[in-house]
Amino acid sequence: MELRRRFALARSTEDRGASAIEWVIITGVLVALAAAVGLIIFNLVQGRAEQIQIPDAPGGGGGGGGGAP
């Protein structure tokens, strides 16, 4: 019986459906905004990371280590 009452209440007021659609639109806009900000931050960090100069190890490095002499 509770389900019938809720169904009747939902059908009697159109504002509930409109309110749900408004929440979906607002949520979608906020998700898109968060994704855009995240992409901007990612691109800034990626650009700065590419600018970092890493010097070669003294003596050439490249030996890999771990082996017997």
PDB file of N, CA and C in Angstrom:
ATOM      1  N   MET A   1       0.818  -1.193   0.000  1.00  0.00           N
ATOM      2  CA  MET A   1       0.000   0.000   0.000  1.00  0.00           C
ATOM      3  C   MET A   1       0.865   1.262   0.000  1.00  0.00           C
ATOM      4  N   GLU A   2       2.010   1.193   0.657  1.00  0.00           N
ATOM      5  CA  GLU A   2       2.913   2.344   0.704  1.00  0.00           C
ATOM      6  C   GLU A   2       3.379   2.724  -0.701  1.00  0.00           C
ATOM      7  N   LEU A   3       3.638   1.726  -1.523  1.00  0.00           N
ATOM      8  CA  LEU A   3       4.103   1.982  -2.891  1.00  0.00           C
ATOM      9  C   LEU A   3       3.031   2.697  -3.704  1.00  0.00           C
ATOM     10  N   ARG A   4       1.788   2.298  -3.535  1.00  0.00           N
ATOM     11  CA  ARG A   4       0.694   2.958  -4.258  1.00  0.00           C
ATOM     12  C   ARG A   4       0.550   4.413  -3.811  1.00  0.00           C
ATOM     13  N   ARG A   5       0.708   4.644  -2.524  1.00  0.00           N
ATOM     14  CA  ARG A   5       0.591   6.013  -2.018  1.00  0.00           C
ATOM     15  C   ARG A   5       1.704   6.889  -2.588  1.00  0.00           C
ATOM     16  N   ARG A   6       2.916   6.361  -2.606  1.00  0.00           N
ATOM     17  CA  ARG A   6       4.043   7.122  -3.153  1.00  0.00           C
ATOM     18  C   ARG A   6       3.865   7.367  -4.649  1.00  0.00           C
ATOM     19  N   PHE A   7       3.388   6.366  -5.352  1.00  0.00           N
ATOM     20  CA  PHE A   7       3.172   6.512  -6.787  1.00  0.00           C
ATOM     21  C   PHE A   7       2.110   7.584  -7.056  1.00  0.00           C
ATOM     22  N   ALA A   8       1.037   7.562  -6.285  1.00  0.00           N
ATOM     23  CA  ALA A   8      -0.028   8.557  -6.453  1.00  0.00           C
ATOM     24  C   ALA A   8       0.495   9.949  -6.121  1.00  0.00           C
ATOM     25  N   LEU A   9       1.302  10.065  -5.095  1.00  0.00           N
ATOM     26  CA  LEU A   9       1.867  11.358  -4.710  1.00  0.00           C
ATOM     27  C   LEU A   9       2.811  11.873  -5.798  1.00  0.00           C
ATOM     28  N   ALA A  10       3.605  11.000  -6.355  1.00  0.00           N
ATOM     29  CA  ALA A  10       4.548  11.400  -7.408  1.00  0.00           C
ATOM     30  C   ALA A  10       3.812  11.858  -8.660  1.00  0.00           C
ATOM     31  N   ARG A  11       2.704  11.209  -8.980  1.00  0.00           N
ATOM     32  CA  ARG A  11       1.944  11.587 -10.174  1.00  0.00           C
ATOM     33  C   ARG A  11       1.135  12.849  -9.949  1.00  0.00           C
ATOM     34  N   SER A  12       0.827  13.179  -8.705  1.00  0.00           N
ATOM     35  CA  SER A  12      -0.011  14.345  -8.441  1.00  0.00           C
ATOM     36  C   SER A  12       0.761  15.654  -8.530  1.00  0.00           C
ATOM     37  N   THR A  13       2.065  15.619  -8.332  1.00  0.00           N
ATOM     38  CA  THR A  13       2.864  16.840  -8.393  1.00  0.00           C
ATOM     39  C   THR A  13       3.924  16.708  -9.475  1.00  0.00           C
ATOM     40  N   GLU A  14       3.919  17.651 -10.401  1.00  0.00           N
ATOM     41  CA  GLU A  14       4.902  17.633 -11.474  1.00  0.00           C
ATOM     42  C   GLU A  14       6.219  18.267 -11.042  1.00  0.00           C
ATOM     43  N   ASP A  15       6.198  18.972  -9.930  1.00  0.00           N
ATOM     44  CA  ASP A  15       7.413  19.641  -9.457  1.00  0.00           C
ATOM     45  C   ASP A  15       8.501  18.654  -9.087  1.00  0.00           C
ATOM     46  N   ARG A  16       8.149  17.502  -8.614  1.00  0.00           N
ATOM     47  CA  ARG A  16       9.157  16.526  -8.215  1.00  0.00           C
ATOM     48  C   ARG A  16       9.987  16.068  -9.411  1.00  0.00           C
ATOM     49  N   GLY A  17       9.329  15.834 -10.524  1.00  0.00           N
ATOM     50  CA  GLY A  17      10.057  15.429 -11.727  1.00  0.00           C
ATOM     51  C   GLY A  17      10.951  16.539 -12.238  1.00  0.00           C
ATOM     52  N   ALA A  18      10.442  17.755 -12.213  1.00  0.00           N
ATOM     53  CA  ALA A  18      11.224  18.897 -12.660  1.00  0.00           C
ATOM     54  C   ALA A  18      12.411  19.105 -11.732  1.00  0.00           C
ATOM     55  N   SER A  19      12.200  18.924 -10.454  1.00  0.00           N
ATOM     56  CA  SER A  19      13.280  19.085  -9.499  1.00  0.00           C
ATOM     57  C   SER A  19      14.369  18.044  -9.726  1.00  0.00           C
ATOM     58  N   ALA A  20      13.975  16.822 -10.039  1.00  0.00           N
ATOM     59  CA  ALA A  20      14.954  15.771 -10.305  1.00  0.00           C
ATOM     60  C   ALA A  20      15.764  16.097 -11.551  1.00  0.00           C
ATOM     61  N   ILE A  21      15.104  16.607 -12.573  1.00  0.00           N
ATOM     62  CA  ILE A  21      15.809  16.979 -13.803  1.00  0.00           C
ATOM     63  C   ILE A  21      16.775  18.126 -13.530  1.00  0.00           C
ATOM     64  N   GLU A  22      16.359  19.072 -12.722  1.00  0.00           N
ATOM     65  CA  GLU A  22      17.250  20.180 -12.366  1.00  0.00           C
ATOM     66  C   GLU A  22      18.490  19.665 -11.648  1.00  0.00           C
ATOM     67  N   TRP A  23      18.316  18.720 -10.739  1.00  0.00           N
ATOM     68  CA  TRP A  23      19.464  18.147 -10.029  1.00  0.00           C
ATOM     69  C   TRP A  23      20.403  17.415 -10.975  1.00  0.00           C
ATOM     70  N   VAL A  24      19.838  16.712 -11.951  1.00  0.00           N
ATOM     71  CA  VAL A  24      20.664  16.005 -12.932  1.00  0.00           C
ATOM     72  C   VAL A  24      21.474  17.001 -13.758  1.00  0.00           C
ATOM     73  N   ILE A  25      20.844  18.082 -14.175  1.00  0.00           N
ATOM     74  CA  ILE A  25      21.543  19.094 -14.968  1.00  0.00           C
ATOM     75  C   ILE A  25      22.634  19.765 -14.144  1.00  0.00           C
ATOM     76  N   ILE A  26      22.322  20.144 -12.918  1.00  0.00           N
ATOM     77  CA  ILE A  26      23.315  20.783 -12.050  1.00  0.00           C
ATOM     78  C   ILE A  26      24.483  19.839 -11.798  1.00  0.00           C
ATOM     79  N   THR A  27      24.182  18.574 -11.535  1.00  0.00           N
ATOM     80  CA  THR A  27      25.241  17.588 -11.294  1.00  0.00           C
ATOM     81  C   THR A  27      26.107  17.415 -12.535  1.00  0.00           C
ATOM     82  N   GLY A  28      25.495  17.360 -13.693  1.00  0.00           N
ATOM     83  CA  GLY A  28      26.245  17.226 -14.941  1.00  0.00           C
ATOM     84  C   GLY A  28      27.174  18.407 -15.179  1.00  0.00           C
ATOM     85  N   VAL A  29      26.674  19.613 -14.913  1.00  0.00           N
ATOM     86  CA  VAL A  29      27.509  20.808 -15.074  1.00  0.00           C
ATOM     87  C   VAL A  29      28.684  20.774 -14.100  1.00  0.00           C
ATOM     88  N   LEU A  30      28.439  20.375 -12.857  1.00  0.00           N
ATOM     89  CA  LEU A  30      29.514  20.315 -11.871  1.00  0.00           C
ATOM     90  C   LEU A  30      30.554  19.249 -12.219  1.00  0.00           C
ATOM     91  N   VAL A  31      30.101  18.118 -12.734  1.00  0.00           N
ATOM     92  CA  VAL A  31      31.039  17.068 -13.150  1.00  0.00           C
ATOM     93  C   VAL A  31      31.894  17.559 -14.317  1.00  0.00           C
ATOM     94  N   ALA A  32      31.279  18.224 -15.281  1.00  0.00           N
ATOM     95  CA  ALA A  32      32.026  18.756 -16.425  1.00  0.00           C
ATOM     96  C   ALA A  32      33.026  19.813 -15.968  1.00  0.00           C
ATOM     97  N   LEU A  33      32.626  20.656 -15.029  1.00  0.00           N
ATOM     98  CA  LEU A  33      33.522  21.687 -14.504  1.00  0.00           C
ATOM     99  C   LEU A  33      34.702  21.060 -13.771  1.00  0.00           C
ATOM    100  N   ALA A  34      34.439  20.051 -12.958  1.00  0.00           N
ATOM    101  CA  ALA A  34      35.510  19.364 -12.237  1.00  0.00           C
ATOM    102  C   ALA A  34      36.470  18.676 -13.211  1.00  0.00           C
ATOM    103  N   ALA A  35      35.931  18.073 -14.265  1.00  0.00           N
ATOM    104  CA  ALA A  35      36.783  17.424 -15.265  1.00  0.00           C
ATOM    105  C   ALA A  35      37.648  18.449 -15.980  1.00  0.00           C
ATOM    106  N   ALA A  36      37.096  19.608 -16.298  1.00  0.00           N
ATOM    107  CA  ALA A  36      37.863  20.657 -16.973  1.00  0.00           C
ATOM    108  C   ALA A  36      38.987  21.172 -16.081  1.00  0.00           C
ATOM    109  N   VAL A  37      38.692  21.410 -14.812  1.00  0.00           N
ATOM    110  CA  VAL A  37      39.721  21.874 -13.881  1.00  0.00           C
ATOM    111  C   VAL A  37      40.795  20.806 -13.715  1.00  0.00           C
ATOM    112  N   GLY A  38      40.403  19.557 -13.600  1.00  0.00           N
ATOM    113  CA  GLY A  38      41.374  18.467 -13.484  1.00  0.00           C
ATOM    114  C   GLY A  38      42.265  18.372 -14.706  1.00  0.00           C
ATOM    115  N   LEU A  39      41.697  18.545 -15.896  1.00  0.00           N
ATOM    116  CA  LEU A  39      42.480  18.501 -17.130  1.00  0.00           C
ATOM    117  C   LEU A  39      43.463  19.662 -17.203  1.00  0.00           C
ATOM    118  N   ILE A  40      43.043  20.839 -16.788  1.00  0.00           N
ATOM    119  CA  ILE A  40      43.938  21.998 -16.783  1.00  0.00           C
ATOM    120  C   ILE A  40      45.103  21.757 -15.831  1.00  0.00           C
ATOM    121  N   ILE A  41      44.811  21.271 -14.631  1.00  0.00           N
ATOM    122  CA  ILE A  41      45.874  20.997 -13.658  1.00  0.00           C
ATOM    123  C   ILE A  41      46.813  19.917 -14.185  1.00  0.00           C
ATOM    124  N   PHE A  42      46.275  18.866 -14.771  1.00  0.00           N
ATOM    125  CA  PHE A  42      47.105  17.790 -15.321  1.00  0.00           C
ATOM    126  C   PHE A  42      48.045  18.322 -16.398  1.00  0.00           C
ATOM    127  N   ASN A  43      47.514  19.142 -17.304  1.00  0.00           N
ATOM    128  CA  ASN A  43      48.342  19.686 -18.375  1.00  0.00           C
ATOM    129  C   ASN A  43      49.422  20.618 -17.830  1.00  0.00           C
ATOM    130  N   LEU A  44      49.116  21.405 -16.813  1.00  0.00           N
ATOM    131  CA  LEU A  44      50.131  22.278 -16.207  1.00  0.00           C
ATOM    132  C   LEU A  44      51.246  21.453 -15.566  1.00  0.00           C
ATOM    133  N   VAL A  45      50.877  20.429 -14.830  1.00  0.00           N
ATOM    134  CA  VAL A  45      51.873  19.582 -14.171  1.00  0.00           C
ATOM    135  C   VAL A  45      52.696  18.836 -15.214  1.00  0.00           C
ATOM    136  N   GLN A  46      52.047  18.332 -16.247  1.00  0.00           N
ATOM    137  CA  GLN A  46      52.750  17.602 -17.308  1.00  0.00           C
ATOM    138  C   GLN A  46      53.753  18.517 -18.007  1.00  0.00           C
ATOM    139  N   GLY A  47      53.367  19.744 -18.286  1.00  0.00           N
ATOM    140  CA  GLY A  47      54.259  20.701 -18.937  1.00  0.00           C
ATOM    141  C   GLY A  47      55.459  21.036 -18.077  1.00  0.00           C
ATOM    142  N   ARG A  48      55.223  21.226 -16.785  1.00  0.00           N
ATOM    143  CA  ARG A  48      56.340  21.526 -15.867  1.00  0.00           C
ATOM    144  C   ARG A  48      57.255  20.321 -15.714  1.00  0.00           C
ATOM    145  N   ALA A  49      56.697  19.132 -15.700  1.00  0.00           N
ATOM    146  CA  ALA A  49      57.506  17.922 -15.548  1.00  0.00           C
ATOM    147  C   ALA A  49      58.421  17.728 -16.749  1.00  0.00           C
ATOM    148  N   GLU A  50      57.958  18.097 -17.928  1.00  0.00           N
ATOM    149  CA  GLU A  50      58.783  17.952 -19.127  1.00  0.00           C
ATOM    150  C   GLU A  50      59.936  18.954 -19.142  1.00  0.00           C
ATOM    151  N   GLN A  51      59.810  20.045 -18.383  1.00  0.00           N
ATOM    152  CA  GLN A  51      60.852  21.062 -18.339  1.00  0.00           C
ATOM    153  C   GLN A  51      61.981  20.709 -17.371  1.00  0.00           C
ATOM    154  N   ILE A  52      61.785  19.708 -16.541  1.00  0.00           N
ATOM    155  CA  ILE A  52      62.805  19.334 -15.561  1.00  0.00           C
ATOM    156  C   ILE A  52      63.978  18.692 -16.287  1.00  0.00           C
ATOM    157  N   GLN A  53      65.176  19.194 -16.019  1.00  0.00           N
ATOM    158  CA  GLN A  53      66.384  18.660 -16.631  1.00  0.00           C
ATOM    159  C   GLN A  53      67.009  17.683 -15.647  1.00  0.00           C
ATOM    160  N   ILE A  54      67.179  16.445 -16.071  1.00  0.00           N
ATOM    161  CA  ILE A  54      67.779  15.429 -15.217  1.00  0.00           C
ATOM    162  C   ILE A  54      69.182  15.151 -15.751  1.00  0.00           C
ATOM    163  N   PRO A  55      70.211  15.461 -14.957  1.00  0.00           N
ATOM    164  CA  PRO A  55      71.583  15.236 -15.428  1.00  0.00           C
ATOM    165  C   PRO A  55      71.909  13.747 -15.455  1.00  0.00           C
ATOM    166  N   ASP A  56      72.863  13.403 -16.336  1.00  0.00           N
ATOM    167  CA  ASP A  56      73.328  12.020 -16.393  1.00  0.00           C
ATOM    168  C   ASP A  56      74.084  11.682 -15.123  1.00  0.00           C
ATOM    169  N   ALA A  57      74.096  10.413 -14.783  1.00  0.00           N
ATOM    170  CA  ALA A  57      74.824   9.961 -13.597  1.00  0.00           C
ATOM    171  C   ALA A  57      76.331  10.062 -13.875  1.00  0.00           C
ATOM    172  N   PRO A  58      77.134  10.403 -12.854  1.00  0.00           N
ATOM    173  CA  PRO A  58      78.577  10.469 -13.065  1.00  0.00           C
ATOM    174  C   PRO A  58      79.143   9.095 -13.440  1.00  0.00           C
ATOM    175  N   GLY A  59      80.073   9.068 -14.342  1.00  0.00           N
ATOM    176  CA  GLY A  59      80.681   7.820 -14.750  1.00  0.00           C
ATOM    177  C   GLY A  59      79.841   7.054 -15.754  1.00  0.00           C
ATOM    178  N   GLY A  60      78.820   7.641 -16.279  1.00  0.00           N
ATOM    179  CA  GLY A  60      78.024   6.997 -17.312  1.00  0.00           C
ATOM    180  C   GLY A  60      76.833   6.217 -16.788  1.00  0.00           C
ATOM    181  N   GLY A  61      76.813   5.826 -15.520  1.00  0.00           N
ATOM    182  CA  GLY A  61      75.670   5.079 -14.994  1.00  0.00           C
ATOM    183  C   GLY A  61      75.522   3.780 -15.745  1.00  0.00           C
ATOM    184  N   GLY A  62      74.422   3.460 -16.240  1.00  0.00           N
ATOM    185  CA  GLY A  62      74.148   2.387 -17.171  1.00  0.00           C
ATOM    186  C   GLY A  62      74.618   0.987 -16.816  1.00  0.00           C
ATOM    187  N   GLY A  63      75.290   0.767 -15.703  1.00  0.00           N
ATOM    188  CA  GLY A  63      75.775  -0.564 -15.389  1.00  0.00           C
ATOM    189  C   GLY A  63      74.684  -1.494 -14.915  1.00  0.00           C
ATOM    190  N   GLY A  64      73.658  -0.946 -14.321  1.00  0.00           N
ATOM    191  CA  GLY A  64      72.562  -1.769 -13.837  1.00  0.00           C
ATOM    192  C   GLY A  64      72.810  -2.342 -12.457  1.00  0.00           C
ATOM    193  N   GLY A  65      74.043  -2.577 -12.079  1.00  0.00           N
ATOM    194  CA  GLY A  65      74.376  -3.040 -10.734  1.00  0.00           C
ATOM    195  C   GLY A  65      73.885  -4.436 -10.446  1.00  0.00           C
ATOM    196  N   GLY A  66      74.217  -4.904  -9.279  1.00  0.00           N
ATOM    197  CA  GLY A  66      73.706  -6.174  -8.814  1.00  0.00           C
ATOM    198  C   GLY A  66      74.536  -7.382  -9.203  1.00  0.00           C
ATOM    199  N   GLY A  67      75.456  -7.266 -10.117  1.00  0.00           N
ATOM    200  CA  GLY A  67      76.229  -8.424 -10.569  1.00  0.00           C
ATOM    201  C   GLY A  67      77.571  -8.539  -9.848  1.00  0.00           C
ATOM    202  N   ALA A  68      78.197  -9.706  -9.980  1.00  0.00           N
ATOM    203  CA  ALA A  68      79.531  -9.908  -9.390  1.00  0.00           C
ATOM    204  C   ALA A  68      80.572  -9.206 -10.260  1.00  0.00           C
ATOM    205  N   PRO A  69      81.694  -8.737  -9.651  1.00  0.00           N
ATOM    206  CA  PRO A  69      82.714  -8.014 -10.430  1.00  0.00           C
ATOM    207  C   PRO A  69      83.444  -8.878 -11.411  1.00  0.00           C
TER     208      PRO A  69
END
